[in-house]
Structure formats: structure tokens, C-alpha cells
């Protein structure tokens, strides 16, 4: 997988901005939002990485996503409130999510 920060990176890939910190990460369509954040050194809360534990639950403030699984662990009411699961969602456009528990990490991990 190409390094999103290399000169050959796809410059058309969407970007995820994580609020309230304002941190940015390239979010290629073949990575979940969680994977994109981790690759950029941004830790989001996570445990299962398959949409069941809900520890990564975040609010989508703007943009469009698509889910990698048919029925993620988000209720219809939560979807209406803008809640998403970054571990099983990919950015379709530039997006902004709110995740106050995000932190910077020196380790790069995309597993």
C-alpha cells in the first residue's frame, strides 16, 4: 500500500479532520477512517475494529461516508444524530468527525 505522505500519494484522496483538535489525515478509499487516522499518528478510541464494541463511536460533522459492513452497530436514531463508527467506515468525501478522546501517537499502525 502506498504511503499517503509520499510524493506519489493520491492527491485526490479525501481528508478526515478530527475535531476539536483540528488534526488532518489523508483517508484513501481503501482504508477505514480509523486506519487512516492511525496511519497519520492519530489515535482514536478502538477495540474490536469490526463495528461491534462501539468504542470508536464519533460524530460526523460534515462529509459523506460509506460503511464496509452491511449493518454497523449504530441505531437508526444514532445515524440520524450523525454518529458513525470510524472502524468500519470509509470517507467518500472530505469529512470532519468529532472525537474528543483522540490523541497524538508516535507509533504508526494500520492493522
PDB file of N, CA and C in Angstrom:
ATOM      1  N   UNK A   1       0.852  -1.172   0.000  1.00  0.00           N
ATOM      2  CA  UNK A   1       0.000   0.000   0.000  1.00  0.00           C
ATOM      3  C   UNK A   1       0.899   1.237   0.000  1.00  0.00           C
ATOM      4  N   UNK A   2       0.639   2.201  -0.899  1.00  0.00           N
ATOM      5  CA  UNK A   2       1.492   3.386  -0.957  1.00  0.00           C
ATOM      6  C   UNK A   2       1.360   4.250   0.288  1.00  0.00           C
ATOM      7  N   UNK A   3       2.443   4.909   0.643  1.00  0.00           N
ATOM      8  CA  UNK A   3       2.450   5.828   1.771  1.00  0.00           C
ATOM      9  C   UNK A   3       1.669   7.081   1.393  1.00  0.00           C
ATOM     10  N   UNK A   4       0.613   7.453   2.164  1.00  0.00           N
ATOM     11  CA  UNK A   4      -0.190   8.610   1.786  1.00  0.00           C
ATOM     12  C   UNK A   4       0.570   9.926   1.867  1.00  0.00           C
ATOM     13  N   UNK A   5       1.744   9.934   2.494  1.00  0.00           N
ATOM     14  CA  UNK A   5       2.527  11.159   2.597  1.00  0.00           C
ATOM     15  C   UNK A   5       3.652  11.216   1.574  1.00  0.00           C
ATOM     16  N   UNK A   6       3.776  10.190   0.743  1.00  0.00           N
ATOM     17  CA  UNK A   6       4.837  10.204  -0.256  1.00  0.00           C
ATOM     18  C   UNK A   6       4.447  11.126  -1.403  1.00  0.00           C
ATOM     19  N   UNK A   7       5.440  11.572  -2.202  1.00  0.00           N
ATOM     20  CA  UNK A   7       5.127  12.442  -3.334  1.00  0.00           C
ATOM     21  C   UNK A   7       4.178  11.795  -4.326  1.00  0.00           C
ATOM     22  N   UNK A   8       4.166  10.460  -4.380  1.00  0.00           N
ATOM     23  CA  UNK A   8       3.299   9.760  -5.322  1.00  0.00           C
ATOM     24  C   UNK A   8       1.902   9.513  -4.756  1.00  0.00           C
ATOM     25  N   UNK A   9       1.614  10.009  -3.562  1.00  0.00           N
ATOM     26  CA  UNK A   9       0.311   9.779  -2.931  1.00  0.00           C
ATOM     27  C   UNK A   9      -0.804  10.342  -3.802  1.00  0.00           C
ATOM     28  N   UNK A  10      -1.965   9.714  -3.714  1.00  0.00           N
ATOM     29  CA  UNK A  10      -3.138  10.168  -4.463  1.00  0.00           C
ATOM     30  C   UNK A  10      -3.628  11.479  -3.859  1.00  0.00           C
ATOM     31  N   UNK A  11      -3.396  12.549  -4.568  1.00  0.00           N
ATOM     32  CA  UNK A  11      -3.769  13.866  -4.055  1.00  0.00           C
ATOM     33  C   UNK A  11      -5.265  14.099  -4.086  1.00  0.00           C
ATOM     34  N   UNK A  12      -6.015  13.188  -4.704  1.00  0.00           N
ATOM     35  CA  UNK A  12      -7.466  13.336  -4.752  1.00  0.00           C
ATOM     36  C   UNK A  12      -8.155  12.579  -3.624  1.00  0.00           C
ATOM     37  N   UNK A  13      -7.388  11.875  -2.797  1.00  0.00           N
ATOM     38  CA  UNK A  13      -7.982  11.133  -1.681  1.00  0.00           C
ATOM     39  C   UNK A  13      -8.658  12.102  -0.720  1.00  0.00           C
ATOM     40  N   UNK A  14      -9.798  11.702  -0.162  1.00  0.00           N
ATOM     41  CA  UNK A  14     -10.455  12.553   0.837  1.00  0.00           C
ATOM     42  C   UNK A  14      -9.558  12.767   2.056  1.00  0.00           C
ATOM     43  N   UNK A  15      -9.885  13.773   2.816  1.00  0.00           N
ATOM     44  CA  UNK A  15      -9.184  14.088   4.058  1.00  0.00           C
ATOM     45  C   UNK A  15     -10.169  13.988   5.211  1.00  0.00           C
ATOM     46  N   UNK A  16      -9.700  13.448   6.333  1.00  0.00           N
ATOM     47  CA  UNK A  16     -10.507  13.449   7.554  1.00  0.00           C
ATOM     48  C   UNK A  16      -9.902  14.487   8.497  1.00  0.00           C
ATOM     49  N   UNK A  17     -10.750  15.344   9.025  1.00  0.00           N
ATOM     50  CA  UNK A  17     -10.333  16.307  10.052  1.00  0.00           C
ATOM     51  C   UNK A  17     -10.978  15.871  11.355  1.00  0.00           C
ATOM     52  N   UNK A  18     -10.175  15.785  12.405  1.00  0.00           N
ATOM     53  CA  UNK A  18     -10.658  15.307  13.691  1.00  0.00           C
ATOM     54  C   UNK A  18     -10.744  16.489  14.650  1.00  0.00           C
ATOM     55  N   UNK A  19     -11.951  16.774  15.059  1.00  0.00           N
ATOM     56  CA  UNK A  19     -12.223  17.885  15.971  1.00  0.00           C
ATOM     57  C   UNK A  19     -12.433  17.339  17.376  1.00  0.00           C
ATOM     58  N   UNK A  20     -12.169  18.101  18.399  1.00  0.00           N
ATOM     59  CA  UNK A  20     -11.937  19.544  18.391  1.00  0.00           C
ATOM     60  C   UNK A  20     -10.480  19.938  18.158  1.00  0.00           C
ATOM     61  N   UNK A  21      -9.582  18.983  17.863  1.00  0.00           N
ATOM     62  CA  UNK A  21      -8.166  19.301  17.724  1.00  0.00           C
ATOM     63  C   UNK A  21      -7.805  19.914  16.381  1.00  0.00           C
ATOM     64  N   UNK A  22      -8.582  19.606  15.345  1.00  0.00           N
ATOM     65  CA  UNK A  22      -8.279  20.110  14.014  1.00  0.00           C
ATOM     66  C   UNK A  22      -7.219  19.308  13.284  1.00  0.00           C
ATOM     67  N   UNK A  23      -6.907  18.098  13.770  1.00  0.00           N
ATOM     68  CA  UNK A  23      -5.890  17.261  13.140  1.00  0.00           C
ATOM     69  C   UNK A  23      -6.412  16.718  11.817  1.00  0.00           C
ATOM     70  N   UNK A  24      -5.519  16.593  10.829  1.00  0.00           N
ATOM     71  CA  UNK A  24      -5.878  16.124   9.491  1.00  0.00           C
ATOM     72  C   UNK A  24      -5.171  14.822   9.163  1.00  0.00           C
ATOM     73  N   UNK A  25      -5.855  13.991   8.380  1.00  0.00           N
ATOM     74  CA  UNK A  25      -5.259  12.749   7.888  1.00  0.00           C
ATOM     75  C   UNK A  25      -5.813  12.461   6.508  1.00  0.00           C
ATOM     76  N   UNK A  26      -4.959  12.056   5.563  1.00  0.00           N
ATOM     77  CA  UNK A  26      -5.477  11.601   4.280  1.00  0.00           C
ATOM     78  C   UNK A  26      -6.262  10.315   4.505  1.00  0.00           C
ATOM     79  N   UNK A  27      -7.366  10.164   3.792  1.00  0.00           N
ATOM     80  CA  UNK A  27      -8.242   8.999   4.001  1.00  0.00           C
ATOM     81  C   UNK A  27      -8.551   8.320   2.670  1.00  0.00           C
ATOM     82  N   UNK A  28      -7.583   7.590   2.114  1.00  0.00           N
ATOM     83  CA  UNK A  28      -7.830   6.878   0.858  1.00  0.00           C
ATOM     84  C   UNK A  28      -9.022   5.931   0.993  1.00  0.00           C
ATOM     85  N   UNK A  29      -9.711   5.702  -0.089  1.00  0.00           N
ATOM     86  CA  UNK A  29     -10.954   4.920  -0.053  1.00  0.00           C
ATOM     87  C   UNK A  29     -10.735   3.463   0.348  1.00  0.00           C
ATOM     88  N   UNK A  30      -9.493   2.970   0.306  1.00  0.00           N
ATOM     89  CA  UNK A  30      -9.245   1.582   0.693  1.00  0.00           C
ATOM     90  C   UNK A  30      -8.915   1.430   2.175  1.00  0.00           C
ATOM     91  N   UNK A  31      -8.965   2.525   2.933  1.00  0.00           N
ATOM     92  CA  UNK A  31      -8.724   2.478   4.371  1.00  0.00           C
ATOM     93  C   UNK A  31      -9.961   2.930   5.121  1.00  0.00           C
ATOM     94  N   UNK A  32     -10.211   2.309   6.278  1.00  0.00           N
ATOM     95  CA  UNK A  32     -11.263   2.831   7.147  1.00  0.00           C
ATOM     96  C   UNK A  32     -10.785   4.172   7.706  1.00  0.00           C
ATOM     97  N   UNK A  33     -11.712   4.935   8.228  1.00  0.00           N
ATOM     98  CA  UNK A  33     -11.360   6.210   8.841  1.00  0.00           C
ATOM     99  C   UNK A  33     -10.402   5.971  10.012  1.00  0.00           C
ATOM    100  N   UNK A  34     -10.648   4.928  10.779  1.00  0.00           N
ATOM    101  CA  UNK A  34      -9.756   4.581  11.886  1.00  0.00           C
ATOM    102  C   UNK A  34      -8.353   4.275  11.371  1.00  0.00           C
ATOM    103  N   UNK A  35      -8.236   3.450  10.330  1.00  0.00           N
ATOM    104  CA  UNK A  35      -6.925   3.112   9.776  1.00  0.00           C
ATOM    105  C   UNK A  35      -6.211   4.357   9.258  1.00  0.00           C
ATOM    106  N   UNK A  36      -6.957   5.234   8.597  1.00  0.00           N
ATOM    107  CA  UNK A  36      -6.354   6.465   8.074  1.00  0.00           C
ATOM    108  C   UNK A  36      -5.824   7.331   9.212  1.00  0.00           C
ATOM    109  N   UNK A  37      -6.597   7.448  10.281  1.00  0.00           N
ATOM    110  CA  UNK A  37      -6.162   8.242  11.431  1.00  0.00           C
ATOM    111  C   UNK A  37      -4.916   7.627  12.067  1.00  0.00           C
ATOM    112  N   UNK A  38      -4.935   6.316  12.279  1.00  0.00           N
ATOM    113  CA  UNK A  38      -3.785   5.646  12.888  1.00  0.00           C
ATOM    114  C   UNK A  38      -2.537   5.811  12.040  1.00  0.00           C
ATOM    115  N   UNK A  39      -2.693   5.709  10.734  1.00  0.00           N
ATOM    116  CA  UNK A  39      -1.560   5.859   9.824  1.00  0.00           C
ATOM    117  C   UNK A  39      -0.946   7.260   9.953  1.00  0.00           C
ATOM    118  N   UNK A  40      -1.787   8.242  10.254  1.00  0.00           N
ATOM    119  CA  UNK A  40      -1.322   9.620  10.400  1.00  0.00           C
ATOM    120  C   UNK A  40      -0.850   9.921  11.827  1.00  0.00           C
ATOM    121  N   UNK A  41      -0.819   8.893  12.685  1.00  0.00           N
ATOM    122  CA  UNK A  41      -0.353   9.089  14.052  1.00  0.00           C
ATOM    123  C   UNK A  41      -1.403   9.661  14.981  1.00  0.00           C
ATOM    124  N   UNK A  42      -2.674   9.476  14.616  1.00  0.00           N
ATOM    125  CA  UNK A  42      -3.778   9.959  15.447  1.00  0.00           C
ATOM    126  C   UNK A  42      -4.515   8.745  16.003  1.00  0.00           C
ATOM    127  N   UNK A  43      -4.535   8.624  17.313  1.00  0.00           N
ATOM    128  CA  UNK A  43      -5.206   7.504  17.967  1.00  0.00           C
ATOM    129  C   UNK A  43      -6.663   7.868  18.228  1.00  0.00           C
ATOM    130  N   UNK A  44      -7.563   7.051  17.718  1.00  0.00           N
ATOM    131  CA  UNK A  44      -8.977   7.157  18.060  1.00  0.00           C
ATOM    132  C   UNK A  44      -9.287   6.001  18.998  1.00  0.00           C
ATOM    133  N   UNK A  45     -10.230   6.165  19.916  1.00  0.00           N
ATOM    134  CA  UNK A  45     -10.610   5.033  20.761  1.00  0.00           C
ATOM    135  C   UNK A  45     -11.016   3.862  19.866  1.00  0.00           C
ATOM    136  N   UNK A  46     -10.558   2.662  20.187  1.00  0.00           N
ATOM    137  CA  UNK A  46     -10.937   1.482  19.403  1.00  0.00           C
ATOM    138  C   UNK A  46     -10.602   0.225  20.170  1.00  0.00           C
ATOM    139  N   UNK A  47     -11.297  -0.850  19.814  1.00  0.00           N
ATOM    140  CA  UNK A  47     -11.020  -2.145  20.422  1.00  0.00           C
ATOM    141  C   UNK A  47     -11.252  -3.262  19.401  1.00  0.00           C
ATOM    142  N   UNK A  48     -12.489  -3.423  18.939  1.00  0.00           N
ATOM    143  CA  UNK A  48     -12.817  -4.570  18.089  1.00  0.00           C
ATOM    144  C   UNK A  48     -12.448  -4.376  16.629  1.00  0.00           C
ATOM    145  N   UNK A  49     -12.555  -3.167  16.137  1.00  0.00           N
ATOM    146  CA  UNK A  49     -12.293  -2.820  14.734  1.00  0.00           C
ATOM    147  C   UNK A  49     -13.218  -3.530  13.755  1.00  0.00           C
ATOM    148  N   UNK A  50     -14.382  -3.978  14.233  1.00  0.00           N
ATOM    149  CA  UNK A  50     -15.355  -4.601  13.332  1.00  0.00           C
ATOM    150  C   UNK A  50     -16.766  -4.058  13.533  1.00  0.00           C
ATOM    151  N   UNK A  51     -16.908  -2.981  14.277  1.00  0.00           N
ATOM    152  CA  UNK A  51     -18.196  -2.317  14.413  1.00  0.00           C
ATOM    153  C   UNK A  51     -19.092  -2.819  15.522  1.00  0.00           C
ATOM    154  N   UNK A  52     -18.588  -3.687  16.393  1.00  0.00           N
ATOM    155  CA  UNK A  52     -19.459  -4.228  17.433  1.00  0.00           C
ATOM    156  C   UNK A  52     -19.258  -3.607  18.811  1.00  0.00           C
ATOM    157  N   UNK A  53     -18.046  -3.207  19.156  1.00  0.00           N
ATOM    158  CA  UNK A  53     -17.810  -2.711  20.519  1.00  0.00           C
ATOM    159  C   UNK A  53     -18.222  -1.249  20.697  1.00  0.00           C
ATOM    160  N   UNK A  54     -18.261  -0.492  19.622  1.00  0.00           N
ATOM    161  CA  UNK A  54     -18.696   0.904  19.591  1.00  0.00           C
ATOM    162  C   UNK A  54     -17.755   1.867  20.317  1.00  0.00           C
ATOM    163  N   UNK A  55     -16.553   1.420  20.675  1.00  0.00           N
ATOM    164  CA  UNK A  55     -15.648   2.313  21.394  1.00  0.00           C
ATOM    165  C   UNK A  55     -15.161   3.476  20.531  1.00  0.00           C
ATOM    166  N   UNK A  56     -15.216   3.347  19.214  1.00  0.00           N
ATOM    167  CA  UNK A  56     -14.762   4.423  18.325  1.00  0.00           C
ATOM    168  C   UNK A  56     -15.892   5.370  17.921  1.00  0.00           C
ATOM    169  N   UNK A  57     -17.085   5.160  18.441  1.00  0.00           N
ATOM    170  CA  UNK A  57     -18.250   5.967  18.063  1.00  0.00           C
ATOM    171  C   UNK A  57     -17.903   7.455  18.065  1.00  0.00           C
ATOM    172  N   UNK A  58     -18.146   8.104  16.942  1.00  0.00           N
ATOM    173  CA  UNK A  58     -17.802   9.516  16.755  1.00  0.00           C
ATOM    174  C   UNK A  58     -18.956  10.202  16.044  1.00  0.00           C
ATOM    175  N   UNK A  59     -18.946  11.524  16.080  1.00  0.00           N
ATOM    176  CA  UNK A  59     -19.989  12.289  15.389  1.00  0.00           C
ATOM    177  C   UNK A  59     -19.434  12.797  14.062  1.00  0.00           C
ATOM    178  N   UNK A  60     -20.168  12.525  12.981  1.00  0.00           N
ATOM    179  CA  UNK A  60     -19.820  13.043  11.657  1.00  0.00           C
ATOM    180  C   UNK A  60     -20.407  14.447  11.549  1.00  0.00           C
ATOM    181  N   UNK A  61     -19.530  15.448  11.473  1.00  0.00           N
ATOM    182  CA  UNK A  61     -19.981  16.832  11.413  1.00  0.00           C
ATOM    183  C   UNK A  61     -20.232  17.286   9.978  1.00  0.00           C
ATOM    184  N   UNK A  62     -19.460  16.736   9.039  1.00  0.00           N
ATOM    185  CA  UNK A  62     -19.688  17.051   7.630  1.00  0.00           C
ATOM    186  C   UNK A  62     -19.038  15.993   6.759  1.00  0.00           C
ATOM    187  N   UNK A  63     -19.519  15.900   5.523  1.00  0.00           N
ATOM    188  CA  UNK A  63     -18.983  14.952   4.565  1.00  0.00           C
ATOM    189  C   UNK A  63     -19.814  13.690   4.473  1.00  0.00           C
ATOM    190  N   UNK A  64     -19.359  12.785   3.604  1.00  0.00           N
ATOM    191  CA  UNK A  64     -20.074  11.533   3.357  1.00  0.00           C
ATOM    192  C   UNK A  64     -19.157  10.345   3.580  1.00  0.00           C
ATOM    193  N   UNK A  65     -19.743   9.297   4.162  1.00  0.00           N
ATOM    194  CA  UNK A  65     -19.015   8.051   4.398  1.00  0.00           C
ATOM    195  C   UNK A  65     -19.766   6.899   3.755  1.00  0.00           C
ATOM    196  N   UNK A  66     -19.104   5.760   3.674  1.00  0.00           N
ATOM    197  CA  UNK A  66     -19.781   4.501   3.330  1.00  0.00           C
ATOM    198  C   UNK A  66     -19.269   3.467   4.321  1.00  0.00           C
ATOM    199  N   UNK A  67     -20.156   2.562   4.676  1.00  0.00           N
ATOM    200  CA  UNK A  67     -19.773   1.508   5.615  1.00  0.00           C
ATOM    201  C   UNK A  67     -19.232   0.302   4.867  1.00  0.00           C
ATOM    202  N   UNK A  68     -18.265  -0.370   5.480  1.00  0.00           N
ATOM    203  CA  UNK A  68     -17.663  -1.572   4.922  1.00  0.00           C
ATOM    204  C   UNK A  68     -18.484  -2.819   5.230  1.00  0.00           C
ATOM    205  N   UNK A  69     -19.417  -2.694   6.174  1.00  0.00           N
ATOM    206  CA  UNK A  69     -20.276  -3.813   6.533  1.00  0.00           C
ATOM    207  C   UNK A  69     -21.724  -3.398   6.343  1.00  0.00           C
ATOM    208  N   UNK A  70     -22.596  -4.378   6.167  1.00  0.00           N
ATOM    209  CA  UNK A  70     -23.990  -4.084   5.848  1.00  0.00           C
ATOM    210  C   UNK A  70     -24.738  -3.377   6.966  1.00  0.00           C
ATOM    211  N   UNK A  71     -24.567  -3.848   8.190  1.00  0.00           N
ATOM    212  CA  UNK A  71     -25.298  -3.219   9.294  1.00  0.00           C
ATOM    213  C   UNK A  71     -24.351  -2.951  10.442  1.00  0.00           C
ATOM    214  N   UNK A  72     -23.750  -1.753  10.472  1.00  0.00           N
ATOM    215  CA  UNK A  72     -22.838  -1.426  11.577  1.00  0.00           C
ATOM    216  C   UNK A  72     -23.615  -1.279  12.880  1.00  0.00           C
ATOM    217  N   UNK A  73     -22.919  -1.298  13.991  1.00  0.00           N
ATOM    218  CA  UNK A  73     -23.544  -1.234  15.310  1.00  0.00           C
ATOM    219  C   UNK A  73     -24.000   0.155  15.706  1.00  0.00           C
ATOM    220  N   UNK A  74     -24.743   0.814  14.820  1.00  0.00           N
ATOM    221  CA  UNK A  74     -25.278   2.144  15.087  1.00  0.00           C
ATOM    222  C   UNK A  74     -26.784   2.082  14.824  1.00  0.00           C
ATOM    223  N   UNK A  75     -27.581   2.528  15.789  1.00  0.00           N
ATOM    224  CA  UNK A  75     -29.034   2.508  15.616  1.00  0.00           C
ATOM    225  C   UNK A  75     -29.463   3.570  14.608  1.00  0.00           C
ATOM    226  N   UNK A  76     -30.666   3.442  14.103  1.00  0.00           N
ATOM    227  CA  UNK A  76     -31.207   4.415  13.163  1.00  0.00           C
ATOM    228  C   UNK A  76     -31.241   5.805  13.795  1.00  0.00           C
ATOM    229  N   UNK A  77     -31.633   5.878  15.055  1.00  0.00           N
ATOM    230  CA  UNK A  77     -31.664   7.163  15.760  1.00  0.00           C
ATOM    231  C   UNK A  77     -30.260   7.762  15.856  1.00  0.00           C
ATOM    232  N   UNK A  78     -29.256   6.922  16.164  1.00  0.00           N
ATOM    233  CA  UNK A  78     -27.880   7.406  16.255  1.00  0.00           C
ATOM    234  C   UNK A  78     -27.386   7.894  14.891  1.00  0.00           C
ATOM    235  N   UNK A  79     -27.751   7.169  13.830  1.00  0.00           N
ATOM    236  CA  UNK A  79     -27.376   7.615  12.484  1.00  0.00           C
ATOM    237  C   UNK A  79     -27.964   8.983  12.196  1.00  0.00           C
ATOM    238  N   UNK A  80     -29.206   9.177  12.579  1.00  0.00           N
ATOM    239  CA  UNK A  80     -29.858  10.476  12.368  1.00  0.00           C
ATOM    240  C   UNK A  80     -29.161  11.580  13.148  1.00  0.00           C
ATOM    241  N   UNK A  81     -28.573  11.226  14.286  1.00  0.00           N
ATOM    242  CA  UNK A  81     -27.833  12.196  15.108  1.00  0.00           C
ATOM    243  C   UNK A  81     -26.419  12.438  14.574  1.00  0.00           C
ATOM    244  N   UNK A  82     -26.040  11.706  13.517  1.00  0.00           N
ATOM    245  CA  UNK A  82     -24.724  11.893  12.914  1.00  0.00           C
ATOM    246  C   UNK A  82     -23.634  11.018  13.491  1.00  0.00           C
ATOM    247  N   UNK A  83     -23.991  10.010  14.283  1.00  0.00           N
ATOM    248  CA  UNK A  83     -22.979   9.137  14.875  1.00  0.00           C
ATOM    249  C   UNK A  83     -22.528   8.084  13.867  1.00  0.00           C
ATOM    250  N   UNK A  84     -21.226   7.820  13.853  1.00  0.00           N
ATOM    251  CA  UNK A  84     -20.628   6.864  12.923  1.00  0.00           C
ATOM    252  C   UNK A  84     -19.589   6.019  13.658  1.00  0.00           C
ATOM    253  N   UNK A  85     -19.234   4.909  13.050  1.00  0.00           N
ATOM    254  CA  UNK A  85     -18.186   4.030  13.574  1.00  0.00           C
ATOM    255  C   UNK A  85     -16.989   4.084  12.624  1.00  0.00           C
ATOM    256  N   UNK A  86     -15.966   4.863  12.945  1.00  0.00           N
ATOM    257  CA  UNK A  86     -14.809   5.005  12.059  1.00  0.00           C
ATOM    258  C   UNK A  86     -14.078   3.702  11.738  1.00  0.00           C
ATOM    259  N   UNK A  87     -14.216   2.689  12.569  1.00  0.00           N
ATOM    260  CA  UNK A  87     -13.504   1.431  12.319  1.00  0.00           C
ATOM    261  C   UNK A  87     -14.065   0.667  11.124  1.00  0.00           C
ATOM    262  N   UNK A  88     -15.310   0.943  10.752  1.00  0.00           N
ATOM    263  CA  UNK A  88     -15.931   0.229   9.632  1.00  0.00           C
ATOM    264  C   UNK A  88     -16.509   1.193   8.593  1.00  0.00           C
ATOM    265  N   UNK A  89     -16.007   2.422   8.579  1.00  0.00           N
ATOM    266  CA  UNK A  89     -16.489   3.428   7.632  1.00  0.00           C
ATOM    267  C   UNK A  89     -15.319   4.001   6.846  1.00  0.00           C
ATOM    268  N   UNK A  90     -15.564   4.307   5.586  1.00  0.00           N
ATOM    269  CA  UNK A  90     -14.569   4.950   4.722  1.00  0.00           C
ATOM    270  C   UNK A  90     -15.101   6.304   4.293  1.00  0.00           C
ATOM    271  N   UNK A  91     -14.207   7.260   4.156  1.00  0.00           N
ATOM    272  CA  UNK A  91     -14.587   8.593   3.693  1.00  0.00           C
ATOM    273  C   UNK A  91     -14.843   8.551   2.189  1.00  0.00           C
ATOM    274  N   UNK A  92     -15.955   9.105   1.773  1.00  0.00           N
ATOM    275  CA  UNK A  92     -16.271   9.239   0.356  1.00  0.00           C
ATOM    276  C   UNK A  92     -15.952  10.639  -0.146  1.00  0.00           C
ATOM    277  N   UNK A  93     -15.948  11.588   0.782  1.00  0.00           N
ATOM    278  CA  UNK A  93     -15.603  12.978   0.515  1.00  0.00           C
ATOM    279  C   UNK A  93     -14.728  13.428   1.672  1.00  0.00           C
ATOM    280  N   UNK A  94     -14.233  14.649   1.619  1.00  0.00           N
ATOM    281  CA  UNK A  94     -13.575  15.197   2.799  1.00  0.00           C
ATOM    282  C   UNK A  94     -14.589  15.172   3.931  1.00  0.00           C
ATOM    283  N   UNK A  95     -14.150  14.736   5.104  1.00  0.00           N
ATOM    284  CA  UNK A  95     -15.067  14.641   6.235  1.00  0.00           C
ATOM    285  C   UNK A  95     -14.487  15.322   7.461  1.00  0.00           C
ATOM    286  N   UNK A  96     -15.376  15.648   8.382  1.00  0.00           N
ATOM    287  CA  UNK A  96     -14.999  16.171   9.692  1.00  0.00           C
ATOM    288  C   UNK A  96     -15.722  15.316  10.716  1.00  0.00           C
ATOM    289  N   UNK A  97     -14.960  14.736  11.639  1.00  0.00           N
ATOM    290  CA  UNK A  97     -15.573  13.991  12.732  1.00  0.00           C
ATOM    291  C   UNK A  97     -15.207  14.646  14.051  1.00  0.00           C
ATOM    292  N   UNK A  98     -16.070  14.458  15.017  1.00  0.00           N
ATOM    293  CA  UNK A  98     -15.811  14.949  16.374  1.00  0.00           C
ATOM    294  C   UNK A  98     -15.500  13.742  17.249  1.00  0.00           C
ATOM    295  N   UNK A  99     -14.295  13.738  17.818  1.00  0.00           N
ATOM    296  CA  UNK A  99     -13.877  12.665  18.716  1.00  0.00           C
ATOM    297  C   UNK A  99     -12.942  13.273  19.756  1.00  0.00           C
ATOM    298  N   UNK A 100     -13.527  13.777  20.871  1.00  0.00           N
ATOM    299  CA  UNK A 100     -12.712  14.456  21.879  1.00  0.00           C
ATOM    300  C   UNK A 100     -11.680  13.567  22.566  1.00  0.00           C
ATOM    301  N   UNK A 101     -11.789  12.248  22.446  1.00  0.00           N
ATOM    302  CA  UNK A 101     -10.828  11.343  23.077  1.00  0.00           C
ATOM    303  C   UNK A 101      -9.642  11.013  22.175  1.00  0.00           C
ATOM    304  N   UNK A 102      -9.585  11.594  20.988  1.00  0.00           N
ATOM    305  CA  UNK A 102      -8.462  11.356  20.078  1.00  0.00           C
ATOM    306  C   UNK A 102      -7.179  11.896  20.704  1.00  0.00           C
ATOM    307  N   UNK A 103      -6.066  11.255  20.358  1.00  0.00           N
ATOM    308  CA  UNK A 103      -4.769  11.707  20.863  1.00  0.00           C
ATOM    309  C   UNK A 103      -3.708  11.494  19.798  1.00  0.00           C
ATOM    310  N   UNK A 104      -2.594  12.170  19.934  1.00  0.00           N
ATOM    311  CA  UNK A 104      -1.468  12.003  19.028  1.00  0.00           C
ATOM    312  C   UNK A 104      -0.646  10.801  19.472  1.00  0.00           C
ATOM    313  N   UNK A 105      -0.132  10.072  18.500  1.00  0.00           N
ATOM    314  CA  UNK A 105       0.688   8.914  18.800  1.00  0.00           C
ATOM    315  C   UNK A 105       1.949   8.978  17.961  1.00  0.00           C
ATOM    316  N   UNK A 106       3.026   8.481  18.512  1.00  0.00           N
ATOM    317  CA  UNK A 106       4.274   8.422  17.747  1.00  0.00           C
ATOM    318  C   UNK A 106       4.364   7.117  16.949  1.00  0.00           C
ATOM    319  N   UNK A 107       3.501   6.159  17.260  1.00  0.00           N
ATOM    320  CA  UNK A 107       3.536   4.903  16.528  1.00  0.00           C
ATOM    321  C   UNK A 107       2.553   4.947  15.366  1.00  0.00           C
ATOM    322  N   UNK A 108       2.948   4.373  14.251  1.00  0.00           N
ATOM    323  CA  UNK A 108       2.086   4.300  13.075  1.00  0.00           C
ATOM    324  C   UNK A 108       1.606   2.868  12.961  1.00  0.00           C
ATOM    325  N   UNK A 109       0.291   2.679  12.944  1.00  0.00           N
ATOM    326  CA  UNK A 109      -0.283   1.341  12.985  1.00  0.00           C
ATOM    327  C   UNK A 109      -1.533   1.311  12.120  1.00  0.00           C
ATOM    328  N   UNK A 110      -1.582   0.425  11.161  1.00  0.00           N
ATOM    329  CA  UNK A 110      -2.759   0.339  10.299  1.00  0.00           C
ATOM    330  C   UNK A 110      -3.425  -1.031  10.348  1.00  0.00           C
ATOM    331  N   UNK A 111      -3.077  -1.834  11.309  1.00  0.00           N
ATOM    332  CA  UNK A 111      -3.702  -3.161  11.400  1.00  0.00           C
ATOM    333  C   UNK A 111      -5.100  -3.079  11.942  1.00  0.00           C
TER     334      UNK A 111
END
